[in-house]
Amino acid sequence: MRARVLIVEDHPTMREAMRMVLADEGFAVDQVADGGRALDLVASDRPDLVLLDLNIPGISGTELLAALKGSSATSGIPVIVVTAEEEEGRRAAMRAGAEDYLAKPFSPRALVRTVERVLGGSAPRGASP
């Protein structure tokens, strides 16, 4: 089995679409709809990568990113921000420590390439497919 990916996305259709694409590529996938549940899951069962929507209920995606990157226990977990926010959101996410950024809508191929690149560490920080 390939790496474990945690999808943090409040929209059920988008969350399921990302899960299906990544599962078809052999990734183990966990999914949650809000920031609080994401923090709980990361603490109990550390993922290899987090796909994070910025616009989620409860603890916002921005707050969750700051919490993950601000803790020595989780700062090494790569985070790819996946959101509909355009360039301003991308810049803020990258400054906050995200490894990459995918603007919705994106293709399944772009999702897989970005996940593989970030997990492999072969792309410059902030590169987009």
C-alpha atoms as a PDB file:
ATOM      1  CA  MET A   1       0.000   0.000   0.000  1.00  0.00           C
ATOM      2  CA  ARG A   2       1.191   3.471  -0.828  1.00  0.00           C
ATOM      3  CA  ALA A   3       1.197   6.478   1.468  1.00  0.00           C
ATOM      4  CA  ARG A   4      -1.730   7.458   3.717  1.00  0.00           C
ATOM      5  CA  VAL A   5      -3.495  10.655   2.714  1.00  0.00           C
ATOM      6  CA  LEU A   6      -5.941  12.601   4.879  1.00  0.00           C
ATOM      7  CA  ILE A   7      -8.526  14.610   2.932  1.00  0.00           C
ATOM      8  CA  VAL A   8      -9.987  17.536   4.900  1.00  0.00           C
ATOM      9  CA  GLU A   9     -12.890  18.781   2.772  1.00  0.00           C
ATOM     10  CA  ASP A  10     -16.416  19.765   3.799  1.00  0.00           C
ATOM     11  CA  HIS A  11     -18.064  19.197   0.412  1.00  0.00           C
ATOM     12  CA  PRO A  12     -19.019  15.481   0.329  1.00  0.00           C
ATOM     13  CA  THR A  13     -18.950  15.119  -3.469  1.00  0.00           C
ATOM     14  CA  MET A  14     -15.499  16.704  -3.772  1.00  0.00           C
ATOM     15  CA  ARG A  15     -14.206  14.682  -0.822  1.00  0.00           C
ATOM     16  CA  GLU A  16     -15.459  11.427  -2.331  1.00  0.00           C
ATOM     17  CA  ALA A  17     -14.101  12.268  -5.795  1.00  0.00           C
ATOM     18  CA  MET A  18     -10.621  12.910  -4.373  1.00  0.00           C
ATOM     19  CA  ARG A  19     -10.841   9.728  -2.291  1.00  0.00           C
ATOM     20  CA  MET A  20     -11.762   7.630  -5.319  1.00  0.00           C
ATOM     21  CA  VAL A  21      -8.973   9.058  -7.482  1.00  0.00           C
ATOM     22  CA  LEU A  22      -6.322   8.500  -4.817  1.00  0.00           C
ATOM     23  CA  ALA A  23      -7.619   5.067  -3.784  1.00  0.00           C
ATOM     24  CA  ASP A  24      -7.535   3.993  -7.435  1.00  0.00           C
ATOM     25  CA  GLU A  25      -3.841   4.932  -7.426  1.00  0.00           C
ATOM     26  CA  GLY A  26      -3.237   2.744  -4.386  1.00  0.00           C
ATOM     27  CA  PHE A  27      -3.167   5.374  -1.658  1.00  0.00           C
ATOM     28  CA  ALA A  28      -4.755   4.667   1.712  1.00  0.00           C
ATOM     29  CA  VAL A  29      -7.228   7.498   2.235  1.00  0.00           C
ATOM     30  CA  ASP A  30      -8.909   8.894   5.335  1.00  0.00           C
ATOM     31  CA  GLN A  31     -11.385  11.735   5.065  1.00  0.00           C
ATOM     32  CA  VAL A  32     -13.000  14.241   7.405  1.00  0.00           C
ATOM     33  CA  ALA A  33     -15.263  17.244   6.879  1.00  0.00           C
ATOM     34  CA  ASP A  34     -13.963  19.677   9.513  1.00  0.00           C
ATOM     35  CA  GLY A  35     -10.797  20.935  11.170  1.00  0.00           C
ATOM     36  CA  GLY A  36     -11.500  19.573  14.648  1.00  0.00           C
ATOM     37  CA  ARG A  37     -11.923  16.015  13.404  1.00  0.00           C
ATOM     38  CA  ALA A  38      -8.795  16.452  11.271  1.00  0.00           C
ATOM     39  CA  LEU A  39      -6.721  17.412  14.331  1.00  0.00           C
ATOM     40  CA  ASP A  40      -8.075  14.402  16.227  1.00  0.00           C
ATOM     41  CA  LEU A  41      -7.263  12.024  13.372  1.00  0.00           C
ATOM     42  CA  VAL A  42      -3.763  13.434  12.843  1.00  0.00           C
ATOM     43  CA  ALA A  43      -3.076  12.986  16.564  1.00  0.00           C
ATOM     44  CA  SER A  44      -4.321   9.388  16.645  1.00  0.00           C
ATOM     45  CA  ASP A  45      -3.174   8.091  13.255  1.00  0.00           C
ATOM     46  CA  ARG A  46      -0.592  10.311  11.571  1.00  0.00           C
ATOM     47  CA  PRO A  47      -1.050  10.580   7.773  1.00  0.00           C
ATOM     48  CA  ASP A  48       1.805  10.892   5.289  1.00  0.00           C
ATOM     49  CA  LEU A  49       0.130  13.887   3.625  1.00  0.00           C
ATOM     50  CA  VAL A  50      -2.867  16.173   4.196  1.00  0.00           C
ATOM     51  CA  LEU A  51      -5.082  17.584   1.443  1.00  0.00           C
ATOM     52  CA  LEU A  52      -6.659  20.627   3.057  1.00  0.00           C
ATOM     53  CA  ASP A  53      -9.541  22.826   1.958  1.00  0.00           C
ATOM     54  CA  LEU A  54      -9.231  26.295   3.517  1.00  0.00           C
ATOM     55  CA  ASN A  55     -12.989  26.789   3.782  1.00  0.00           C
ATOM     56  CA  ILE A  56     -14.068  24.147   6.291  1.00  0.00           C
ATOM     57  CA  PRO A  57     -16.316  24.390   9.359  1.00  0.00           C
ATOM     58  CA  GLY A  58     -15.072  24.570  12.920  1.00  0.00           C
ATOM     59  CA  ILE A  59     -11.342  25.115  12.978  1.00  0.00           C
ATOM     60  CA  SER A  60     -10.696  26.813   9.634  1.00  0.00           C
ATOM     61  CA  GLY A  61      -8.271  25.406   7.111  1.00  0.00           C
ATOM     62  CA  THR A  62      -5.921  28.327   7.761  1.00  0.00           C
ATOM     63  CA  GLU A  63      -6.000  27.645  11.506  1.00  0.00           C
ATOM     64  CA  LEU A  64      -5.525  23.923  10.935  1.00  0.00           C
ATOM     65  CA  LEU A  65      -2.530  24.562   8.679  1.00  0.00           C
ATOM     66  CA  ALA A  66      -0.999  26.836  11.331  1.00  0.00           C
ATOM     67  CA  ALA A  67      -1.605  24.204  14.033  1.00  0.00           C
ATOM     68  CA  LEU A  68      -0.044  21.427  11.965  1.00  0.00           C
ATOM     69  CA  LYS A  69       3.000  23.468  10.953  1.00  0.00           C
ATOM     70  CA  GLY A  70       3.383  24.973  14.435  1.00  0.00           C
ATOM     71  CA  SER A  71       3.679  21.664  16.276  1.00  0.00           C
ATOM     72  CA  SER A  72       6.920  19.724  16.339  1.00  0.00           C
ATOM     73  CA  ALA A  73       4.866  16.506  16.265  1.00  0.00           C
ATOM     74  CA  THR A  74       3.147  17.381  12.969  1.00  0.00           C
ATOM     75  CA  SER A  75       5.252  20.057  11.260  1.00  0.00           C
ATOM     76  CA  GLY A  76       6.852  17.459   8.988  1.00  0.00           C
ATOM     77  CA  ILE A  77       3.543  16.302   7.518  1.00  0.00           C
ATOM     78  CA  PRO A  78       3.276  17.811   4.032  1.00  0.00           C
ATOM     79  CA  VAL A  79       0.100  19.780   3.354  1.00  0.00           C
ATOM     80  CA  ILE A  80      -1.409  20.507  -0.051  1.00  0.00           C
ATOM     81  CA  VAL A  81      -4.047  23.213   0.097  1.00  0.00           C
ATOM     82  CA  VAL A  82      -7.010  22.379  -2.144  1.00  0.00           C
ATOM     83  CA  THR A  83      -9.423  25.288  -2.419  1.00  0.00           C
ATOM     84  CA  ALA A  84     -11.411  27.533  -4.716  1.00  0.00           C
ATOM     85  CA  GLU A  85      -9.551  30.620  -3.502  1.00  0.00           C
ATOM     86  CA  GLU A  86      -7.360  32.051  -6.217  1.00  0.00           C
ATOM     87  CA  GLU A  87      -3.917  33.657  -6.102  1.00  0.00           C
ATOM     88  CA  GLU A  88      -4.342  35.508  -2.813  1.00  0.00           C
ATOM     89  CA  GLY A  89      -5.267  32.267  -1.062  1.00  0.00           C
ATOM     90  CA  ARG A  90      -2.315  30.484  -2.668  1.00  0.00           C
ATOM     91  CA  ARG A  91       0.172  33.050  -1.454  1.00  0.00           C
ATOM     92  CA  ALA A  92      -1.237  32.954   2.078  1.00  0.00           C
ATOM     93  CA  ALA A  93      -1.179  29.143   2.147  1.00  0.00           C
ATOM     94  CA  MET A  94       2.419  28.989   0.946  1.00  0.00           C
ATOM     95  CA  ARG A  95       3.511  31.591   3.513  1.00  0.00           C
ATOM     96  CA  ALA A  96       1.769  29.516   6.206  1.00  0.00           C
ATOM     97  CA  GLY A  97       3.812  26.437   5.302  1.00  0.00           C
ATOM     98  CA  ALA A  98       1.811  24.496   2.708  1.00  0.00           C
ATOM     99  CA  GLU A  99       3.982  22.450   0.369  1.00  0.00           C
ATOM    100  CA  ASP A 100       1.734  23.021  -2.630  1.00  0.00           C
ATOM    101  CA  TYR A 101      -1.622  24.374  -3.739  1.00  0.00           C
ATOM    102  CA  LEU A 102      -4.337  23.118  -6.086  1.00  0.00           C
ATOM    103  CA  ALA A 103      -7.082  25.523  -7.172  1.00  0.00           C
ATOM    104  CA  LYS A 104     -10.518  23.987  -7.722  1.00  0.00           C
ATOM    105  CA  PRO A 105     -11.551  22.752 -10.156  1.00  0.00           C
ATOM    106  CA  PHE A 106      -8.597  20.526 -11.012  1.00  0.00           C
ATOM    107  CA  SER A 107      -8.211  17.310 -12.963  1.00  0.00           C
ATOM    108  CA  PRO A 108      -7.744  13.909 -11.346  1.00  0.00           C
ATOM    109  CA  ARG A 109      -4.373  13.728 -13.087  1.00  0.00           C
ATOM    110  CA  ALA A 110      -3.276  17.051 -11.552  1.00  0.00           C
ATOM    111  CA  LEU A 111      -4.284  15.779  -8.109  1.00  0.00           C
ATOM    112  CA  VAL A 112      -2.296  12.558  -8.429  1.00  0.00           C
ATOM    113  CA  ARG A 113       0.757  14.308  -9.915  1.00  0.00           C
ATOM    114  CA  THR A 114       0.785  16.905  -7.152  1.00  0.00           C
ATOM    115  CA  VAL A 115       0.399  14.316  -4.375  1.00  0.00           C
ATOM    116  CA  GLU A 116       3.159  12.135  -5.834  1.00  0.00           C
ATOM    117  CA  ARG A 117       5.460  15.106  -6.350  1.00  0.00           C
ATOM    118  CA  VAL A 118       5.005  16.399  -2.805  1.00  0.00           C
ATOM    119  CA  LEU A 119       5.459  12.953  -1.281  1.00  0.00           C
ATOM    120  CA  GLY A 120       8.537  12.388  -3.439  1.00  0.00           C
ATOM    121  CA  GLY A 121       9.914  15.815  -2.705  1.00  0.00           C
ATOM    122  CA  SER A 122      10.894  16.318  -6.340  1.00  0.00           C
ATOM    123  CA  ALA A 123       9.192  19.639  -7.005  1.00  0.00           C
ATOM    124  CA  PRO A 124      10.178  23.099  -5.916  1.00  0.00           C
ATOM    125  CA  ARG A 125       8.030  24.446  -3.092  1.00  0.00           C
ATOM    126  CA  GLY A 126       4.956  26.151  -4.487  1.00  0.00           C
ATOM    127  CA  ALA A 127       5.083  24.561  -7.919  1.00  0.00           C
ATOM    128  CA  SER A 128       1.757  23.829  -9.552  1.00  0.00           C
ATOM    129  CA  PRO A 129       0.991  21.283 -12.239  1.00  0.00           C
END
